[in-house]
Amino acid sequence: MYHLWLQQTGGVGGMSGNSRLCVAVHVLTWMALDRRDPAAVATSQRIAVSVNTNPVVIRRCLGQLREAGLVQSRRGAGAGWSLAREPESITLLDVYLAVGDDEPLFALHHSPPSQSCPVGFGIQPALRQVFGRLDEAVRRELATTTIADMLLDVLARQP
């Protein structure tokens, strides 16, 4: 369901909330793999190569993940980033909450519909109910998958 959800709600243009989630999961999964090599240093430049984006995008993402307590930075010799928690304890819901802008997954009309029309009058309250249930379902699904699960899934797909 998660992969289908990402495909169906993928962002258009810049870094939408949904693409931020995708990038953040990629970053954390990469860091979970990278921690297997004690000599490796996770830098925004190295991570950006895997994500195929600009290191500035990765630094912004890492800042959000740090604020949420999911990653930590080291300064000085061997400066870089590391997971602040075990990958088994970081759920995709944690990541979603860390990088989300409290944007709803689905938006209502940009301008209010006609209140004199029976459909226009009732459509937004009806949709709010449906969208609320969808949001809860997505959150429940994200809570069932960890970064460790993502790493196992990614590694299982290697040729």
Protein backbone atom coordinates (compact mmCIF):
# COMPACT_ATOMS: atom_id res chain seq x y z
CA MET A 1 0.00 0.00 0.00
CA TYR A 2 2.82 2.45 0.87
CA HIS A 3 4.48 2.14 -2.53
CA LEU A 4 1.15 2.56 -4.31
CA TRP A 5 0.38 5.58 -2.14
CA LEU A 6 3.73 7.21 -3.00
CA GLN A 7 3.15 6.59 -6.71
CA GLN A 8 -0.37 7.97 -6.65
CA THR A 9 0.44 11.06 -4.58
CA GLY A 10 3.92 11.83 -5.90
CA GLY A 11 4.67 15.53 -5.93
CA VAL A 12 4.63 17.74 -8.98
CA GLY A 13 7.34 20.33 -9.42
CA GLY A 14 9.47 21.22 -6.37
CA MET A 15 9.72 19.32 -3.13
CA SER A 16 6.13 18.58 -2.21
CA GLY A 17 5.26 16.97 1.10
CA ASN A 18 5.07 13.58 -0.57
CA SER A 19 8.42 13.84 -2.31
CA ARG A 20 9.97 15.03 0.97
CA LEU A 21 8.76 11.81 2.56
CA CYS A 22 10.24 9.75 -0.26
CA VAL A 23 13.59 11.56 -0.02
CA ALA A 24 13.66 11.29 3.78
CA VAL A 25 12.97 7.54 3.71
CA HIS A 26 15.71 7.17 1.07
CA VAL A 27 18.15 9.16 3.23
CA LEU A 28 17.42 7.16 6.39
CA THR A 29 17.54 3.82 4.57
CA TRP A 30 20.86 4.81 3.00
CA MET A 31 22.18 5.81 6.44
CA ALA A 32 21.03 2.47 7.89
CA LEU A 33 23.04 0.68 5.19
CA ASP A 34 26.03 3.01 5.53
CA ARG A 35 26.30 2.40 9.28
CA ARG A 36 27.39 -1.16 8.51
CA ASP A 37 30.79 0.29 7.54
CA PRO A 38 32.29 1.89 10.67
CA ALA A 39 34.83 3.82 8.57
CA ALA A 40 32.17 5.43 6.37
CA VAL A 41 31.12 9.03 6.94
CA ALA A 42 27.60 9.95 5.88
CA THR A 43 27.78 13.39 4.29
CA SER A 44 25.08 15.27 2.42
CA GLN A 45 27.24 14.99 -0.70
CA ARG A 46 27.47 11.17 -0.51
CA ILE A 47 23.77 10.82 0.26
CA ALA A 48 22.85 13.22 -2.57
CA VAL A 49 24.59 10.95 -5.07
CA SER A 50 22.29 8.07 -4.09
CA VAL A 51 19.15 10.23 -4.11
CA ASN A 52 20.32 11.91 -7.34
CA THR A 53 19.64 15.40 -6.05
CA ASN A 54 21.48 18.47 -4.86
CA PRO A 55 23.23 18.22 -1.46
CA VAL A 56 21.30 21.33 -0.37
CA VAL A 57 18.07 19.31 -0.63
CA ILE A 58 19.64 16.60 1.53
CA ARG A 59 20.88 19.13 4.10
CA ARG A 60 17.37 20.58 4.43
CA CYS A 61 15.97 17.09 4.87
CA LEU A 62 18.63 16.19 7.42
CA GLY A 63 17.80 19.35 9.36
CA GLN A 64 14.15 18.30 9.63
CA LEU A 65 15.15 14.77 10.61
CA ARG A 66 17.52 16.14 13.26
CA GLU A 67 14.77 18.34 14.73
CA ALA A 68 12.64 15.20 15.04
CA GLY A 69 15.46 13.31 16.78
CA LEU A 70 15.93 10.79 13.98
CA VAL A 71 19.50 11.78 12.97
CA GLN A 72 22.43 13.54 14.58
CA SER A 73 25.42 15.37 13.18
CA ARG A 74 29.10 15.14 14.10
CA ARG A 75 31.44 18.09 13.70
CA GLY A 76 35.18 18.17 13.34
CA ALA A 77 37.27 15.26 12.04
CA GLY A 78 34.99 12.67 10.48
CA ALA A 79 32.11 15.16 10.36
CA GLY A 80 28.90 13.77 9.03
CA TRP A 81 25.51 12.40 9.92
CA SER A 82 24.28 9.26 11.64
CA LEU A 83 21.03 7.76 12.79
CA ALA A 84 20.09 8.90 16.28
CA ARG A 85 18.01 5.76 16.86
CA GLU A 86 18.15 2.16 15.76
CA PRO A 87 16.58 1.62 12.32
CA GLU A 88 14.14 -0.87 13.90
CA SER A 89 12.71 1.92 16.05
CA ILE A 90 12.16 4.49 13.28
CA THR A 91 8.79 4.04 11.57
CA LEU A 92 7.77 5.64 8.32
CA LEU A 93 5.15 7.49 10.37
CA ASP A 94 7.99 9.04 12.39
CA VAL A 95 9.55 10.15 9.12
CA TYR A 96 6.24 11.43 7.74
CA LEU A 97 5.69 13.50 10.87
CA ALA A 98 9.28 14.81 10.74
CA VAL A 99 9.10 16.12 7.18
CA GLY A 100 5.39 16.85 6.85
CA ASP A 101 4.00 20.34 6.71
CA ASP A 102 0.67 19.26 8.10
CA GLU A 103 -0.47 19.30 4.50
CA PRO A 104 -3.54 17.17 3.95
CA LEU A 105 -3.04 14.22 1.65
CA PHE A 106 -6.06 15.31 -0.35
CA ALA A 107 -7.23 18.88 -0.81
CA LEU A 108 -10.71 20.31 -1.02
CA HIS A 109 -11.81 22.85 -3.63
CA HIS A 110 -9.52 25.87 -3.91
CA SER A 111 -12.59 28.13 -3.94
CA PRO A 112 -15.77 27.31 -2.03
CA PRO A 113 -18.42 25.57 -4.10
CA SER A 114 -21.86 27.11 -4.53
CA GLN A 115 -23.79 26.91 -1.28
CA SER A 116 -27.08 27.24 -3.17
CA CYS A 117 -26.46 23.91 -4.94
CA PRO A 118 -27.30 20.76 -2.94
CA VAL A 119 -24.05 19.10 -4.07
CA GLY A 120 -21.97 22.25 -3.58
CA PHE A 121 -23.43 22.70 -0.09
CA GLY A 122 -22.67 19.17 1.11
CA ILE A 123 -19.62 18.03 -0.85
CA GLN A 124 -16.91 19.47 1.40
CA PRO A 125 -18.25 17.98 4.67
CA ALA A 126 -18.73 14.63 2.92
CA LEU A 127 -15.22 14.70 1.49
CA ARG A 128 -13.71 15.76 4.84
CA GLN A 129 -15.06 12.53 6.34
CA VAL A 130 -13.61 10.37 3.58
CA PHE A 131 -10.29 12.23 3.56
CA GLY A 132 -10.05 11.93 7.34
CA ARG A 133 -10.47 8.16 7.15
CA LEU A 134 -7.87 7.98 4.36
CA ASP A 135 -5.41 10.02 6.40
CA GLU A 136 -5.84 7.68 9.37
CA ALA A 137 -5.38 4.62 7.14
CA VAL A 138 -2.16 6.05 5.67
CA ARG A 139 -0.83 6.85 9.16
CA ARG A 140 -1.63 3.32 10.38
CA GLU A 141 0.15 1.84 7.35
CA LEU A 142 3.21 4.05 7.78
CA ALA A 143 3.40 3.06 11.45
CA THR A 144 3.80 -0.62 10.50
CA THR A 145 7.01 -0.19 8.49
CA THR A 146 10.42 0.72 9.90
CA ILE A 147 13.62 1.93 8.27
CA ALA A 148 15.07 -1.52 9.04
CA ASP A 149 12.17 -3.04 7.06
CA MET A 150 12.89 -0.68 4.18
CA LEU A 151 16.57 -1.64 4.17
CA LEU A 152 15.73 -5.35 4.12
CA ASP A 153 13.27 -4.79 1.27
CA VAL A 154 15.79 -2.69 -0.69
CA LEU A 155 18.58 -5.25 -0.26
CA ALA A 156 16.27 -8.11 -1.23
CA ARG A 157 15.71 -6.38 -4.59
CA GLN A 158 19.41 -6.32 -5.53
CA PRO A 159 20.38 -8.28 -8.64
